[in-house]
C-alpha atoms as a PDB file:
ATOM      1  CA  MET A   1    -181.262 -84.806 -56.666  1.00  0.00           C
ATOM      2  CA  PRO A   2    -183.681 -81.860 -56.735  1.00  0.00           C
ATOM      3  CA  LYS A   3    -184.006 -80.133 -60.026  1.00  0.00           C
ATOM      4  CA  HIS A   4    -183.596 -76.407 -60.201  1.00  0.00           C
ATOM      5  CA  GLY A   5    -183.397 -75.157 -63.713  1.00  0.00           C
ATOM      6  CA  HIS A   6    -180.568 -77.109 -65.349  1.00  0.00           C
ATOM      7  CA  GLY A   7    -180.120 -79.679 -62.613  1.00  0.00           C
ATOM      8  CA  LYS A   8    -177.696 -77.496 -60.624  1.00  0.00           C
ATOM      9  CA  LYS A   9    -178.418 -75.961 -57.243  1.00  0.00           C
ATOM     10  CA  LYS A  10    -178.409 -72.184 -57.628  1.00  0.00           C
ATOM     11  CA  ASN A  11    -176.110 -70.072 -55.536  1.00  0.00           C
ATOM     12  CA  PRO A  12    -177.983 -67.534 -53.333  1.00  0.00           C
ATOM     13  CA  GLN A  13    -175.816 -64.784 -54.805  1.00  0.00           C
ATOM     14  CA  GLN A  14    -176.952 -65.773 -58.276  1.00  0.00           C
ATOM     15  CA  ASN A  15    -180.555 -65.513 -57.127  1.00  0.00           C
ATOM     16  CA  SER A  16    -179.973 -62.051 -55.660  1.00  0.00           C
ATOM     17  CA  ARG A  17    -178.445 -60.864 -58.921  1.00  0.00           C
ATOM     18  CA  SER A  18    -181.364 -62.014 -60.912  1.00  0.00           C
ATOM     19  CA  GLY A  19    -183.863 -60.618 -58.423  1.00  0.00           C
ATOM     20  CA  ASN A  20    -185.439 -64.049 -57.782  1.00  0.00           C
ATOM     21  CA  ARG A  21    -184.805 -64.671 -54.091  1.00  0.00           C
ATOM     22  CA  SER A  22    -186.226 -67.626 -52.296  1.00  0.00           C
ATOM     23  CA  PRO A  23    -187.433 -67.255 -48.685  1.00  0.00           C
ATOM     24  CA  ASP A  24    -184.381 -69.245 -47.487  1.00  0.00           C
ATOM     25  CA  ASP A  25    -182.079 -66.849 -49.310  1.00  0.00           C
ATOM     26  CA  GLN A  26    -183.858 -63.917 -47.694  1.00  0.00           C
ATOM     27  CA  VAL A  27    -183.270 -65.306 -44.183  1.00  0.00           C
ATOM     28  CA  SER A  28    -179.565 -65.907 -44.785  1.00  0.00           C
ATOM     29  CA  ALA A  29    -179.046 -62.443 -46.259  1.00  0.00           C
ATOM     30  CA  ASP A  30    -180.863 -60.602 -43.478  1.00  0.00           C
ATOM     31  CA  ALA A  31    -179.599 -62.675 -40.547  1.00  0.00           C
ATOM     32  CA  GLU A  32    -176.470 -63.622 -38.774  1.00  0.00           C
ATOM     33  CA  PHE A  33    -175.974 -67.022 -37.224  1.00  0.00           C
ATOM     34  CA  SER A  34    -175.447 -67.814 -33.567  1.00  0.00           C
ATOM     35  CA  GLN A  35    -172.993 -70.420 -32.326  1.00  0.00           C
ATOM     36  CA  ALA A  36    -175.812 -72.938 -32.313  1.00  0.00           C
ATOM     37  CA  GLY A  37    -176.426 -72.275 -35.993  1.00  0.00           C
ATOM     38  CA  LYS A  38    -179.791 -70.576 -35.476  1.00  0.00           C
ATOM     39  CA  ALA A  39    -180.597 -67.526 -37.532  1.00  0.00           C
ATOM     40  CA  VAL A  40    -180.627 -64.285 -35.557  1.00  0.00           C
ATOM     41  CA  PRO A  41    -181.834 -60.989 -37.047  1.00  0.00           C
ATOM     42  CA  ARG A  42    -179.062 -58.500 -37.772  1.00  0.00           C
ATOM     43  CA  GLY A  43    -178.185 -56.257 -34.867  1.00  0.00           C
ATOM     44  CA  GLU A  44    -179.364 -58.772 -32.286  1.00  0.00           C
ATOM     45  CA  TYR A  45    -176.897 -61.007 -30.513  1.00  0.00           C
ATOM     46  CA  VAL A  46    -177.261 -64.301 -28.739  1.00  0.00           C
ATOM     47  CA  LEU A  47    -175.295 -64.292 -25.509  1.00  0.00           C
ATOM     48  CA  PRO A  48    -172.989 -67.255 -25.107  1.00  0.00           C
ATOM     49  CA  SER A  49    -173.338 -69.492 -22.095  1.00  0.00           C
ATOM     50  CA  GLY A  50    -172.137 -68.275 -18.690  1.00  0.00           C
ATOM     51  CA  ASN A  51    -168.947 -70.370 -18.751  1.00  0.00           C
ATOM     52  CA  ILE A  52    -167.765 -68.715 -21.929  1.00  0.00           C
ATOM     53  CA  ILE A  53    -168.396 -65.256 -20.488  1.00  0.00           C
ATOM     54  CA  VAL A  54    -166.435 -66.143 -17.356  1.00  0.00           C
ATOM     55  CA  GLU A  55    -163.579 -67.519 -19.464  1.00  0.00           C
ATOM     56  CA  GLN A  56    -163.619 -64.402 -21.634  1.00  0.00           C
ATOM     57  CA  ASN A  57    -163.536 -62.164 -18.553  1.00  0.00           C
ATOM     58  CA  GLN A  58    -160.650 -64.159 -17.096  1.00  0.00           C
ATOM     59  CA  GLU A  59    -158.758 -63.941 -20.389  1.00  0.00           C
ATOM     60  CA  MET A  60    -159.391 -60.186 -20.531  1.00  0.00           C
ATOM     61  CA  GLN A  61    -158.100 -59.840 -16.941  1.00  0.00           C
ATOM     62  CA  ARG A  62    -154.964 -61.821 -17.860  1.00  0.00           C
ATOM     63  CA  GLN A  63    -154.466 -59.634 -20.905  1.00  0.00           C
ATOM     64  CA  ASP A  64    -155.044 -56.483 -18.830  1.00  0.00           C
ATOM     65  CA  ALA A  65    -152.472 -57.665 -16.277  1.00  0.00           C
ATOM     66  CA  ALA A  66    -149.996 -58.421 -19.066  1.00  0.00           C
ATOM     67  CA  LEU A  67    -150.626 -54.982 -20.582  1.00  0.00           C
ATOM     68  CA  GLU A  68    -150.097 -53.318 -17.190  1.00  0.00           C
ATOM     69  CA  ASP A  69    -146.796 -55.183 -16.807  1.00  0.00           C
ATOM     70  CA  LEU A  70    -145.833 -54.132 -20.320  1.00  0.00           C
ATOM     71  CA  GLU A  71    -146.784 -50.532 -19.553  1.00  0.00           C
ATOM     72  CA  ALA A  72    -144.641 -50.589 -16.399  1.00  0.00           C
ATOM     73  CA  SER A  73    -141.701 -52.010 -18.348  1.00  0.00           C
ATOM     74  CA  ILE A  74    -142.078 -49.420 -21.081  1.00  0.00           C
ATOM     75  CA  THR A  75    -142.269 -46.652 -18.459  1.00  0.00           C
ATOM     76  CA  ASN A  76    -139.070 -47.944 -16.836  1.00  0.00           C
ATOM     77  CA  ILE A  77    -137.329 -48.090 -20.210  1.00  0.00           C
ATOM     78  CA  ARG A  78    -138.509 -44.565 -21.019  1.00  0.00           C
ATOM     79  CA  ASP A  79    -137.239 -43.248 -17.678  1.00  0.00           C
ATOM     80  CA  ALA A  80    -133.901 -45.013 -18.162  1.00  0.00           C
ATOM     81  CA  SER A  81    -133.578 -43.627 -21.680  1.00  0.00           C
ATOM     82  CA  LEU A  82    -134.311 -40.093 -20.448  1.00  0.00           C
ATOM     83  CA  THR A  83    -131.664 -40.472 -17.737  1.00  0.00           C
ATOM     84  CA  ILE A  84    -129.175 -41.810 -20.273  1.00  0.00           C
ATOM     85  CA  ASN A  85    -129.999 -38.917 -22.603  1.00  0.00           C
ATOM     86  CA  GLN A  86    -129.325 -36.393 -19.823  1.00  0.00           C
ATOM     87  CA  GLU A  87    -126.043 -38.109 -18.926  1.00  0.00           C
ATOM     88  CA  VAL A  88    -124.916 -38.214 -22.566  1.00  0.00           C
ATOM     89  CA  SER A  89    -125.772 -34.521 -22.964  1.00  0.00           C
ATOM     90  CA  LEU A  90    -123.742 -33.680 -19.858  1.00  0.00           C
ATOM     91  CA  GLN A  91    -120.798 -35.792 -21.052  1.00  0.00           C
ATOM     92  CA  ASN A  92    -120.928 -34.096 -24.472  1.00  0.00           C
ATOM     93  CA  ARG A  93    -120.795 -30.662 -22.839  1.00  0.00           C
ATOM     94  CA  LEU A  94    -117.854 -31.761 -20.677  1.00  0.00           C
ATOM     95  CA  LEU A  95    -116.058 -33.168 -23.714  1.00  0.00           C
ATOM     96  CA  ASP A  96    -116.636 -29.912 -25.587  1.00  0.00           C
ATOM     97  CA  ASP A  97    -115.144 -27.983 -22.637  1.00  0.00           C
ATOM     98  CA  VAL A  98    -112.119 -30.307 -22.553  1.00  0.00           C
ATOM     99  CA  HIS A  99    -111.689 -29.967 -26.310  1.00  0.00           C
ATOM    100  CA  THR A 100    -111.777 -26.177 -26.021  1.00  0.00           C
ATOM    101  CA  SER A 101    -109.242 -26.242 -23.176  1.00  0.00           C
ATOM    102  CA  VAL A 102    -106.920 -28.580 -25.088  1.00  0.00           C
ATOM    103  CA  ASP A 103    -107.074 -26.320 -28.144  1.00  0.00           C
ATOM    104  CA  ARG A 104    -106.244 -23.273 -26.015  1.00  0.00           C
ATOM    105  CA  VAL A 105    -103.308 -25.041 -24.302  1.00  0.00           C
ATOM    106  CA  GLN A 106    -102.037 -26.332 -27.642  1.00  0.00           C
ATOM    107  CA  GLN A 107    -102.090 -22.788 -29.086  1.00  0.00           C
ATOM    108  CA  ARG A 108    -100.229 -21.475 -26.033  1.00  0.00           C
ATOM    109  CA  GLN A 109     -97.658 -24.268 -26.330  1.00  0.00           C
ATOM    110  CA  VAL A 110     -97.038 -23.473 -30.000  1.00  0.00           C
ATOM    111  CA  GLY A 111     -96.621 -19.780 -29.106  1.00  0.00           C
ATOM    112  CA  THR A 112     -94.206 -20.621 -26.279  1.00  0.00           C
ATOM    113  CA  GLN A 113     -92.152 -22.899 -28.533  1.00  0.00           C
ATOM    114  CA  ASP A 114     -91.952 -20.157 -31.180  1.00  0.00           C
ATOM    115  CA  ARG A 115     -90.773 -17.581 -28.604  1.00  0.00           C
ATOM    116  CA  LEU A 116     -88.213 -20.023 -27.180  1.00  0.00           C
ATOM    117  CA  ARG A 117     -86.893 -20.785 -30.665  1.00  0.00           C
ATOM    118  CA  ASP A 118     -86.610 -17.050 -31.404  1.00  0.00           C
ATOM    119  CA  PHE A 119     -84.834 -16.449 -28.088  1.00  0.00           C
ATOM    120  CA  MET A 120     -82.383 -19.292 -28.767  1.00  0.00           C
ATOM    121  CA  GLN A 121     -81.582 -17.939 -32.212  1.00  0.00           C
ATOM    122  CA  ARG A 122     -80.988 -14.381 -30.975  1.00  0.00           C
ATOM    123  CA  SER A 123     -78.954 -15.314 -27.948  1.00  0.00           C
ATOM    124  CA  GLY A 124     -75.498 -16.719 -27.925  1.00  0.00           C
ATOM    125  CA  THR A 125     -74.339 -19.383 -25.509  1.00  0.00           C
ATOM    126  CA  CYS A 126     -72.535 -16.797 -23.416  1.00  0.00           C
ATOM    127  CA  LYS A 127     -75.724 -14.919 -22.704  1.00  0.00           C
ATOM    128  CA  LEU A 128     -77.498 -18.150 -21.784  1.00  0.00           C
ATOM    129  CA  TRP A 129     -74.793 -19.123 -19.294  1.00  0.00           C
ATOM    130  CA  SER A 130     -74.929 -15.670 -17.829  1.00  0.00           C
ATOM    131  CA  LEU A 131     -78.687 -15.908 -17.446  1.00  0.00           C
ATOM    132  CA  ILE A 132     -78.415 -19.361 -15.849  1.00  0.00           C
ATOM    133  CA  LEU A 133     -75.807 -18.159 -13.352  1.00  0.00           C
ATOM    134  CA  PHE A 134     -77.837 -15.079 -12.489  1.00  0.00           C
ATOM    135  CA  LEU A 135     -80.985 -17.160 -11.879  1.00  0.00           C
ATOM    136  CA  LEU A 136     -78.994 -19.647  -9.797  1.00  0.00           C
ATOM    137  CA  PHE A 137     -77.654 -16.768  -7.676  1.00  0.00           C
ATOM    138  CA  VAL A 138     -81.204 -15.423  -7.164  1.00  0.00           C
ATOM    139  CA  LEU A 139     -82.372 -18.901  -6.139  1.00  0.00           C
ATOM    140  CA  VAL A 140     -79.565 -19.304  -3.565  1.00  0.00           C
ATOM    141  CA  LEU A 141     -80.211 -15.809  -2.235  1.00  0.00           C
ATOM    142  CA  LEU A 142     -83.894 -16.579  -1.768  1.00  0.00           C
ATOM    143  CA  LEU A 143     -83.130 -19.831   0.008  1.00  0.00           C
ATOM    144  CA  VAL A 144     -80.776 -18.070   2.419  1.00  0.00           C
ATOM    145  CA  LEU A 145     -83.214 -15.272   3.149  1.00  0.00           C
ATOM    146  CA  LEU A 146     -86.173 -17.621   3.732  1.00  0.00           C
ATOM    147  CA  LYS A 147     -84.324 -19.744   6.342  1.00  0.00           C
END
């Protein structure tokens, strides 16, 4: 076992803190390592073998194709959601129109019921029978004239 100080191997970080850097420590601090384990100066890269580059390119093409498919799906979903949004907006407007019409008809119905109730209270049965007979006579007269 090599002896360094107290019999322990010093950590390169400990050497850098103390300012005593060995040449090996200097290489590891200023270099990156290639796949083969060789030291390469920072900023320089060792190109992997041709097979790895081809595999990486193929993987990138597969990923690009998958992303294009995903983009197409997202575009279809967006278009469908916009169409649904337009349809829902149209249906809401139609429902609002129906609601307004129902409110108007309901108000007219309440008014008609109030007038009918008032008419019934003011009129006696004799007047009602007279009115019914008169209207029946007018109806028969119109039928005779239109033949």
